[in-house]
N, C-alpha and C. Protein backbone atom coordinates (compact mmCIF):
# COMPACT_ATOMS: atom_id res chain seq x y z
N MET A 1 -14.10 26.85 -53.46
CA MET A 1 -15.19 26.16 -52.77
C MET A 1 -14.69 24.65 -52.15
N PRO A 2 -14.81 24.61 -51.05
CA PRO A 2 -14.49 23.27 -50.20
C PRO A 2 -14.95 22.00 -51.01
N THR A 3 -14.09 21.21 -50.87
CA THR A 3 -14.51 19.51 -51.12
C THR A 3 -15.58 19.22 -50.47
N PRO A 4 -16.72 18.48 -50.74
CA PRO A 4 -17.65 17.83 -50.19
C PRO A 4 -16.90 16.73 -49.38
N PRO A 5 -17.45 16.24 -48.12
CA PRO A 5 -17.17 14.75 -47.59
C PRO A 5 -17.37 13.37 -48.51
N PRO A 6 -16.87 12.78 -48.23
CA PRO A 6 -17.21 11.50 -49.06
C PRO A 6 -18.81 10.99 -48.92
N SER A 7 -19.01 10.32 -49.92
CA SER A 7 -20.64 9.73 -49.24
C SER A 7 -20.66 8.31 -48.85
N ALA A 8 -21.48 7.78 -48.11
CA ALA A 8 -21.30 6.54 -47.51
C ALA A 8 -22.13 5.65 -48.50
N PRO A 9 -21.99 4.35 -48.24
CA PRO A 9 -21.13 3.64 -47.94
C PRO A 9 -19.54 3.83 -48.70
N PHE A 10 -18.34 3.61 -47.91
CA PHE A 10 -17.05 3.59 -48.37
C PHE A 10 -16.08 2.38 -47.74
N GLY A 11 -15.11 2.50 -48.44
CA GLY A 11 -14.55 1.43 -47.66
C GLY A 11 -13.12 1.85 -47.20
N ARG A 12 -11.97 0.97 -46.82
CA ARG A 12 -10.66 1.04 -46.31
C ARG A 12 -10.10 2.40 -46.95
N ASP A 13 -10.03 2.50 -48.47
CA ASP A 13 -9.28 3.30 -49.04
C ASP A 13 -9.45 4.59 -48.55
N VAL A 14 -11.10 4.86 -48.50
CA VAL A 14 -11.41 5.98 -48.01
C VAL A 14 -11.23 6.40 -46.76
N ILE A 15 -11.53 5.56 -45.52
CA ILE A 15 -11.33 5.44 -44.43
C ILE A 15 -10.03 5.96 -44.33
N GLU A 16 -8.51 5.32 -45.08
CA GLU A 16 -7.40 5.96 -44.68
C GLU A 16 -7.07 7.41 -45.04
N SER A 17 -8.18 8.17 -45.92
CA SER A 17 -7.84 9.43 -46.16
C SER A 17 -8.11 10.14 -45.33
N ILE A 18 -8.90 9.35 -44.51
CA ILE A 18 -9.56 10.42 -43.14
C ILE A 18 -8.98 10.12 -41.99
N LEU A 19 -8.87 8.94 -41.64
CA LEU A 19 -8.10 8.84 -40.37
C LEU A 19 -6.55 8.44 -40.27
N PRO A 20 -5.53 8.72 -39.33
CA PRO A 20 -4.16 8.43 -39.58
C PRO A 20 -4.05 6.78 -39.39
N HIS A 21 -4.86 6.43 -38.55
CA HIS A 21 -4.76 5.04 -38.52
C HIS A 21 -4.24 4.14 -39.42
N ARG A 22 -3.16 2.85 -39.34
CA ARG A 22 -2.68 1.92 -40.25
C ARG A 22 -2.77 0.61 -39.87
N GLU A 23 -2.86 -0.35 -40.50
CA GLU A 23 -2.22 -1.84 -40.08
C GLU A 23 -1.59 -1.73 -39.14
N PRO A 24 -1.65 -2.57 -38.14
CA PRO A 24 -2.57 -2.90 -37.81
C PRO A 24 -3.30 -2.64 -36.99
N PHE A 25 -3.14 -1.17 -36.84
CA PHE A 25 -3.98 -0.69 -35.90
C PHE A 25 -5.55 0.07 -36.36
N LEU A 26 -5.37 0.11 -37.57
CA LEU A 26 -7.11 0.59 -38.36
C LEU A 26 -7.80 -0.48 -38.07
N LEU A 27 -9.16 -0.17 -37.29
CA LEU A 27 -10.16 -1.14 -36.84
C LEU A 27 -11.35 -1.19 -37.62
N LEU A 28 -11.57 -0.54 -38.49
CA LEU A 28 -12.97 -0.31 -39.46
C LEU A 28 -12.68 -0.82 -40.79
N ASP A 29 -13.49 -1.60 -41.19
CA ASP A 29 -13.47 -2.07 -42.70
C ASP A 29 -14.16 -1.06 -43.69
N GLU A 30 -15.43 -0.48 -43.03
CA GLU A 30 -16.41 0.08 -44.08
C GLU A 30 -17.18 1.25 -43.04
N VAL A 31 -17.43 2.35 -43.90
CA VAL A 31 -18.34 3.20 -43.11
C VAL A 31 -19.76 3.12 -43.88
N LEU A 32 -20.83 2.74 -43.37
CA LEU A 32 -22.04 2.46 -43.72
C LEU A 32 -22.84 3.86 -43.87
N GLU A 33 -22.91 4.46 -43.05
CA GLU A 33 -23.50 5.88 -43.16
C GLU A 33 -22.72 7.17 -42.53
N LEU A 34 -23.06 8.03 -43.04
CA LEU A 34 -22.18 9.07 -42.42
C LEU A 34 -22.85 10.47 -42.34
N GLU A 35 -23.15 11.15 -41.25
CA GLU A 35 -23.80 12.67 -41.39
C GLU A 35 -22.64 13.04 -40.73
N PRO A 36 -21.66 14.03 -41.41
CA PRO A 36 -20.83 14.74 -41.00
C PRO A 36 -20.83 15.47 -39.62
N GLY A 37 -19.66 15.42 -38.73
CA GLY A 37 -20.16 16.02 -37.54
C GLY A 37 -21.14 15.90 -36.76
N SER A 38 -21.91 14.56 -37.18
CA SER A 38 -23.01 14.46 -36.28
C SER A 38 -23.21 12.86 -36.01
N ARG A 39 -22.89 11.90 -37.06
CA ARG A 39 -23.34 10.68 -36.85
C ARG A 39 -22.68 9.84 -37.74
N VAL A 40 -22.38 8.60 -37.44
CA VAL A 40 -21.58 7.36 -38.58
C VAL A 40 -21.90 6.05 -37.98
N VAL A 41 -21.94 5.12 -38.82
CA VAL A 41 -22.08 3.71 -38.56
C VAL A 41 -21.03 3.20 -39.26
N ALA A 42 -20.35 2.52 -38.55
CA ALA A 42 -19.26 1.64 -39.40
C ALA A 42 -19.27 0.08 -39.05
N ARG A 43 -18.38 -0.70 -39.93
CA ARG A 43 -18.44 -2.02 -39.43
C ARG A 43 -17.09 -2.36 -39.37
N ARG A 44 -16.70 -3.61 -38.66
CA ARG A 44 -15.61 -4.32 -38.36
C ARG A 44 -16.07 -5.94 -38.80
N GLU A 45 -15.25 -6.63 -39.77
CA GLU A 45 -15.45 -8.06 -39.45
C GLU A 45 -14.37 -8.55 -38.67
N VAL A 46 -14.70 -9.38 -37.65
CA VAL A 46 -13.49 -9.97 -36.76
C VAL A 46 -13.40 -11.07 -37.32
N HIS A 47 -12.07 -11.33 -37.57
CA HIS A 47 -11.40 -12.73 -38.28
C HIS A 47 -10.66 -13.49 -37.04
N GLU A 48 -10.53 -15.04 -37.06
CA GLU A 48 -9.77 -15.54 -36.54
C GLU A 48 -7.99 -15.30 -36.52
N ASP A 49 -7.78 -14.60 -37.65
CA ASP A 49 -6.23 -14.37 -37.76
C ASP A 49 -6.04 -12.88 -37.43
N ASP A 50 -6.85 -12.21 -36.60
CA ASP A 50 -6.64 -10.99 -36.22
C ASP A 50 -5.72 -11.18 -34.97
N TRP A 51 -4.97 -9.80 -35.00
CA TRP A 51 -3.39 -9.87 -34.46
C TRP A 51 -3.64 -10.19 -33.18
N TRP A 52 -4.84 -9.94 -32.43
CA TRP A 52 -4.61 -10.05 -30.70
C TRP A 52 -5.02 -11.38 -30.32
N PHE A 53 -5.63 -12.31 -31.34
CA PHE A 53 -6.40 -13.37 -31.13
C PHE A 53 -5.39 -14.82 -30.47
N PRO A 54 -4.07 -14.70 -31.07
CA PRO A 54 -2.90 -15.48 -30.34
C PRO A 54 -2.78 -15.38 -28.92
N GLY A 55 -2.83 -14.28 -28.29
CA GLY A 55 -2.36 -14.11 -26.90
C GLY A 55 -3.88 -13.69 -26.19
N HIS A 56 -5.05 -13.60 -26.80
CA HIS A 56 -6.45 -13.27 -26.36
C HIS A 56 -7.35 -13.96 -26.62
N PHE A 57 -7.70 -14.86 -26.21
CA PHE A 57 -6.86 -16.10 -25.29
C PHE A 57 -6.79 -17.20 -26.24
N PRO A 58 -5.47 -17.83 -26.26
CA PRO A 58 -5.34 -19.25 -27.07
C PRO A 58 -6.34 -19.96 -27.42
N ASP A 59 -7.23 -20.70 -26.16
CA ASP A 59 -8.08 -21.42 -26.08
C ASP A 59 -9.54 -20.84 -26.35
N ARG A 60 -9.59 -19.72 -26.33
CA ARG A 60 -10.93 -19.16 -26.06
C ARG A 60 -10.74 -17.56 -26.87
N PRO A 61 -10.82 -17.36 -27.80
CA PRO A 61 -10.32 -16.18 -28.72
C PRO A 61 -11.49 -14.97 -28.30
N VAL A 62 -11.45 -14.10 -27.91
CA VAL A 62 -12.07 -12.77 -27.50
C VAL A 62 -11.27 -11.58 -27.75
N MET A 63 -12.10 -10.92 -28.63
CA MET A 63 -11.72 -9.54 -28.86
C MET A 63 -11.52 -8.49 -27.50
N PRO A 64 -10.59 -7.56 -27.21
CA PRO A 64 -10.00 -7.35 -26.09
C PRO A 64 -11.18 -6.03 -25.82
N GLY A 65 -11.62 -6.00 -24.88
CA GLY A 65 -12.66 -4.38 -24.75
C GLY A 65 -11.94 -3.54 -25.30
N VAL A 66 -10.80 -2.99 -24.66
CA VAL A 66 -10.17 -1.87 -25.27
C VAL A 66 -10.36 -1.67 -26.87
N LEU A 67 -9.87 -2.73 -27.39
CA LEU A 67 -10.10 -2.68 -28.75
C LEU A 67 -11.63 -2.49 -29.55
N ILE A 68 -12.48 -3.05 -28.86
CA ILE A 68 -13.92 -2.47 -29.18
C ILE A 68 -13.85 -0.90 -28.81
N VAL A 69 -13.45 -0.48 -27.76
CA VAL A 69 -13.73 0.88 -27.63
C VAL A 69 -12.95 1.46 -28.81
N GLU A 70 -11.56 1.42 -28.56
CA GLU A 70 -10.84 1.98 -29.71
C GLU A 70 -11.60 2.16 -31.35
N ALA A 71 -12.31 0.75 -31.79
CA ALA A 71 -13.01 0.85 -32.79
C ALA A 71 -14.13 1.76 -32.82
N MET A 72 -14.76 1.77 -31.68
CA MET A 72 -15.91 2.82 -31.51
C MET A 72 -15.27 4.30 -31.81
N ALA A 73 -13.90 4.53 -31.15
CA ALA A 73 -13.64 5.74 -31.07
C ALA A 73 -13.26 6.03 -32.64
N GLN A 74 -12.75 5.22 -33.15
CA GLN A 74 -12.18 5.44 -34.76
C GLN A 74 -13.53 6.03 -35.74
N ALA A 75 -14.47 5.16 -35.12
CA ALA A 75 -15.73 5.37 -35.98
C ALA A 75 -16.02 6.78 -35.50
N GLY A 76 -16.32 7.35 -34.70
CA GLY A 76 -16.39 8.68 -34.25
C GLY A 76 -15.75 9.72 -34.56
N ALA A 77 -14.22 9.35 -34.71
CA ALA A 77 -13.28 10.37 -35.66
C ALA A 77 -13.55 10.32 -36.96
N VAL A 78 -14.27 9.39 -37.63
CA VAL A 78 -14.48 9.63 -38.90
C VAL A 78 -15.58 10.82 -39.15
N ALA A 79 -16.63 10.67 -38.10
CA ALA A 79 -17.62 11.64 -38.29
C ALA A 79 -17.09 13.14 -38.21
N VAL A 80 -16.13 13.45 -36.98
CA VAL A 80 -15.83 14.65 -36.88
C VAL A 80 -14.37 15.02 -37.67
N LEU A 81 -13.62 14.28 -38.33
CA LEU A 81 -12.45 14.36 -39.23
C LEU A 81 -12.98 14.53 -40.95
N VAL A 82 -14.12 14.02 -40.92
CA VAL A 82 -14.41 14.73 -42.54
C VAL A 82 -14.92 16.12 -42.60
N GLU A 83 -15.06 16.70 -41.50
CA GLU A 83 -15.53 18.15 -41.72
C GLU A 83 -14.63 19.42 -42.06
N GLU A 84 -14.84 20.09 -42.79
CA GLU A 84 -13.73 20.55 -43.62
C GLU A 84 -12.65 21.23 -42.98
N GLU A 85 -13.06 21.83 -41.80
CA GLU A 85 -11.98 22.48 -40.56
C GLU A 85 -11.08 21.37 -40.19
N ASN A 86 -11.87 20.08 -40.10
CA ASN A 86 -10.72 19.08 -39.39
C ASN A 86 -9.88 18.05 -40.18
N ARG A 87 -10.26 18.37 -41.74
CA ARG A 87 -9.33 17.55 -42.46
C ARG A 87 -7.96 17.64 -42.47
N GLY A 88 -7.46 16.39 -42.44
CA GLY A 88 -6.15 15.91 -42.31
C GLY A 88 -5.41 16.23 -40.79
N LYS A 89 -6.38 16.51 -40.01
CA LYS A 89 -5.98 16.72 -38.28
C LYS A 89 -5.88 15.41 -37.57
N ILE A 90 -5.75 14.99 -36.37
CA ILE A 90 -5.75 14.03 -35.58
C ILE A 90 -6.84 14.20 -34.56
N ALA A 91 -7.83 13.45 -34.52
CA ALA A 91 -8.74 13.50 -33.21
C ALA A 91 -8.21 12.46 -32.17
N PHE A 92 -7.42 12.83 -31.06
CA PHE A 92 -7.05 12.21 -30.02
C PHE A 92 -8.10 11.91 -29.04
N PHE A 93 -7.92 10.53 -28.72
CA PHE A 93 -8.89 9.90 -27.63
C PHE A 93 -8.76 10.52 -26.47
N ALA A 94 -9.54 10.99 -25.99
CA ALA A 94 -9.17 11.89 -24.77
C ALA A 94 -9.80 11.46 -23.41
N GLY A 95 -10.92 10.21 -23.49
CA GLY A 95 -11.57 9.74 -22.68
C GLY A 95 -12.79 9.13 -22.79
N ILE A 96 -13.07 7.99 -21.87
CA ILE A 96 -14.28 7.37 -21.88
C ILE A 96 -15.49 7.23 -20.63
N ASP A 97 -16.24 7.64 -20.61
CA ASP A 97 -17.28 7.33 -19.47
C ASP A 97 -18.48 6.46 -19.70
N ASP A 98 -18.79 5.76 -18.40
CA ASP A 98 -20.18 4.77 -18.60
C ASP A 98 -19.90 3.79 -19.53
N CYS A 99 -18.49 3.25 -19.63
CA CYS A 99 -18.39 2.31 -20.47
C CYS A 99 -18.73 0.89 -20.07
N ARG A 100 -19.79 0.08 -20.71
CA ARG A 100 -19.84 -1.25 -20.49
C ARG A 100 -20.04 -1.97 -21.64
N PHE A 101 -19.60 -3.56 -21.17
CA PHE A 101 -18.96 -4.45 -21.94
C PHE A 101 -20.38 -5.48 -21.77
N LYS A 102 -21.10 -5.93 -22.72
CA LYS A 102 -22.34 -6.54 -22.57
C LYS A 102 -22.35 -7.95 -23.39
N ARG A 103 -21.30 -7.94 -24.11
CA ARG A 103 -21.28 -9.20 -24.74
C ARG A 103 -20.08 -9.62 -25.42
N VAL A 104 -19.51 -10.76 -25.48
CA VAL A 104 -18.46 -11.34 -25.89
C VAL A 104 -18.05 -10.90 -27.52
N VAL A 105 -17.03 -10.59 -27.87
CA VAL A 105 -17.08 -10.67 -29.37
C VAL A 105 -15.87 -11.35 -29.94
N SER A 106 -16.45 -12.58 -30.84
CA SER A 106 -15.63 -13.64 -31.15
C SER A 106 -15.05 -13.74 -32.53
N PRO A 107 -14.15 -14.46 -33.20
CA PRO A 107 -14.12 -14.67 -34.38
C PRO A 107 -15.27 -14.89 -35.15
N GLY A 108 -15.33 -14.23 -36.53
CA GLY A 108 -16.77 -14.43 -37.16
C GLY A 108 -17.76 -13.58 -36.84
N ASP A 109 -17.54 -13.11 -35.67
CA ASP A 109 -18.50 -11.56 -35.63
C ASP A 109 -18.29 -10.35 -36.30
N VAL A 110 -19.66 -9.65 -36.88
CA VAL A 110 -19.54 -8.74 -37.37
C VAL A 110 -19.81 -7.71 -36.46
N LEU A 111 -19.12 -6.59 -36.03
CA LEU A 111 -19.37 -5.50 -35.38
C LEU A 111 -19.78 -4.16 -35.96
N THR A 112 -21.04 -3.75 -35.49
CA THR A 112 -21.53 -2.48 -36.10
C THR A 112 -21.45 -1.28 -35.01
N LEU A 113 -20.49 -0.41 -35.28
CA LEU A 113 -20.09 0.90 -34.62
C LEU A 113 -20.77 1.77 -35.06
N THR A 114 -21.45 2.37 -34.17
CA THR A 114 -22.39 3.81 -34.07
C THR A 114 -21.86 4.74 -33.02
N CYS A 115 -21.65 6.18 -33.61
CA CYS A 115 -21.17 6.95 -32.70
C CYS A 115 -22.33 8.29 -33.33
N GLU A 116 -22.66 8.91 -32.29
CA GLU A 116 -23.46 10.23 -32.34
C GLU A 116 -22.97 11.24 -31.48
N ILE A 117 -22.47 12.34 -32.44
CA ILE A 117 -21.56 13.21 -31.73
C ILE A 117 -22.60 14.03 -30.93
N GLU A 118 -22.44 14.59 -29.58
CA GLU A 118 -23.28 15.18 -28.90
C GLU A 118 -23.01 16.71 -28.97
N THR A 119 -21.74 16.70 -28.15
CA THR A 119 -21.10 18.35 -28.10
C THR A 119 -20.12 18.41 -28.84
N VAL A 120 -19.65 19.86 -29.30
CA VAL A 120 -18.57 20.19 -29.71
C VAL A 120 -18.11 21.45 -29.13
N ARG A 121 -17.00 22.06 -28.52
CA ARG A 121 -16.91 23.06 -28.10
C ARG A 121 -15.15 22.98 -28.63
N GLY A 122 -14.98 24.27 -29.17
CA GLY A 122 -13.72 24.31 -29.87
C GLY A 122 -13.44 22.80 -30.05
N PRO A 123 -12.40 22.45 -30.18
CA PRO A 123 -11.20 21.38 -30.26
C PRO A 123 -11.93 20.01 -29.29
N ILE A 124 -12.70 20.20 -28.39
CA ILE A 124 -13.05 19.04 -27.57
C ILE A 124 -14.41 18.88 -27.95
N GLY A 125 -14.81 17.59 -27.95
CA GLY A 125 -16.27 16.96 -28.13
C GLY A 125 -16.74 15.70 -27.62
N ARG A 126 -17.98 15.33 -27.71
CA ARG A 126 -18.52 13.95 -26.70
C ARG A 126 -19.28 13.16 -27.93
N GLY A 127 -19.24 12.13 -27.56
CA GLY A 127 -20.37 11.17 -28.55
C GLY A 127 -20.40 10.01 -27.76
N LYS A 128 -21.47 9.83 -27.82
CA LYS A 128 -22.17 8.18 -27.50
C LYS A 128 -22.18 7.31 -28.74
N ALA A 129 -21.41 6.21 -28.16
CA ALA A 129 -21.12 5.21 -28.99
C ALA A 129 -21.67 3.85 -28.54
N THR A 130 -21.86 3.10 -29.62
CA THR A 130 -22.21 1.66 -29.39
C THR A 130 -21.71 0.58 -30.24
N ALA A 131 -21.41 -0.47 -29.83
CA ALA A 131 -20.71 -1.83 -30.52
C ALA A 131 -21.85 -2.97 -30.42
N ARG A 132 -22.18 -3.27 -31.97
CA ARG A 132 -23.33 -4.27 -31.78
C ARG A 132 -22.98 -5.46 -32.45
N VAL A 133 -23.34 -6.66 -32.35
CA VAL A 133 -23.28 -7.95 -33.19
C VAL A 133 -24.80 -8.42 -33.33
N GLY A 134 -24.85 -8.00 -34.62
CA GLY A 134 -26.69 -8.45 -35.28
C GLY A 134 -27.17 -7.15 -34.16
N SER A 135 -28.40 -7.81 -33.46
CA SER A 135 -29.10 -6.64 -32.76
C SER A 135 -28.59 -6.58 -31.00
N GLU A 136 -27.42 -7.70 -30.95
CA GLU A 136 -27.08 -7.59 -29.77
C GLU A 136 -25.84 -6.42 -29.32
N LEU A 137 -26.37 -5.89 -28.18
CA LEU A 137 -25.12 -4.60 -27.61
C LEU A 137 -23.88 -5.37 -27.24
N ALA A 138 -22.82 -5.23 -27.74
CA ALA A 138 -21.50 -5.73 -27.04
C ALA A 138 -21.07 -4.70 -26.18
N ALA A 139 -21.04 -3.39 -26.25
CA ALA A 139 -20.26 -2.55 -25.42
C ALA A 139 -20.73 -1.14 -26.33
N ARG A 140 -20.76 -0.10 -24.66
CA ARG A 140 -21.37 1.16 -25.06
C ARG A 140 -20.39 1.95 -24.43
N GLY A 141 -20.55 3.43 -24.52
CA GLY A 141 -19.59 4.45 -23.84
C GLY A 141 -19.84 5.75 -24.58
N THR A 142 -19.80 6.90 -23.36
CA THR A 142 -19.45 7.78 -24.16
C THR A 142 -18.17 8.39 -24.27
N LEU A 143 -17.78 8.82 -25.37
CA LEU A 143 -16.47 8.96 -25.76
C LEU A 143 -15.99 10.65 -25.87
N THR A 144 -14.91 11.09 -25.45
CA THR A 144 -14.58 12.63 -25.49
C THR A 144 -13.14 12.31 -26.42
N PHE A 145 -13.18 13.34 -27.22
CA PHE A 145 -11.91 13.54 -28.12
C PHE A 145 -11.53 15.24 -28.27
N ALA A 146 -10.30 15.25 -28.43
CA ALA A 146 -9.63 16.43 -28.89
C ALA A 146 -9.15 16.44 -29.93
N VAL A 147 -9.76 17.19 -31.00
CA VAL A 147 -8.79 17.35 -32.21
C VAL A 147 -7.89 18.33 -32.36
N GLU A 148 -6.66 18.03 -32.98
CA GLU A 148 -5.63 18.62 -32.94
C GLU A 148 -5.62 20.00 -33.39
N ARG A 149 -5.17 21.08 -33.12
CA ARG A 149 -5.41 22.55 -33.34
C ARG A 149 -4.56 22.97 -34.32
């Protein structure tokens, strides 16, 4: 009998059992909502001592947009990798379309990352993702992923 996926909310210990990412590149603190294979809502608290701030930018710390996109992709990977057939695999980030950045993300902000999986055909899938700070949209994009066979 298959093991059921974890029930949200859950923290880093469970996230690390799903994703292969580790510090300093694990960008999720908590999964708030999870519908396996369909939808995920995750959270990242942005701290002034995060590893990227000393160089981006010293006098005006801003979370790099590529890391916001990576956080959205990690959230989406949770939704895909909790499915029985994908457990223990890696979901490779294969592309992003229609990406837009709408708001600067700074120390003290809390990112809410949402990804809704739209299509999956074999190992390839797509999902619409957003990153928000409170009610403000920080970034959005359509992510493409490939689950290793």
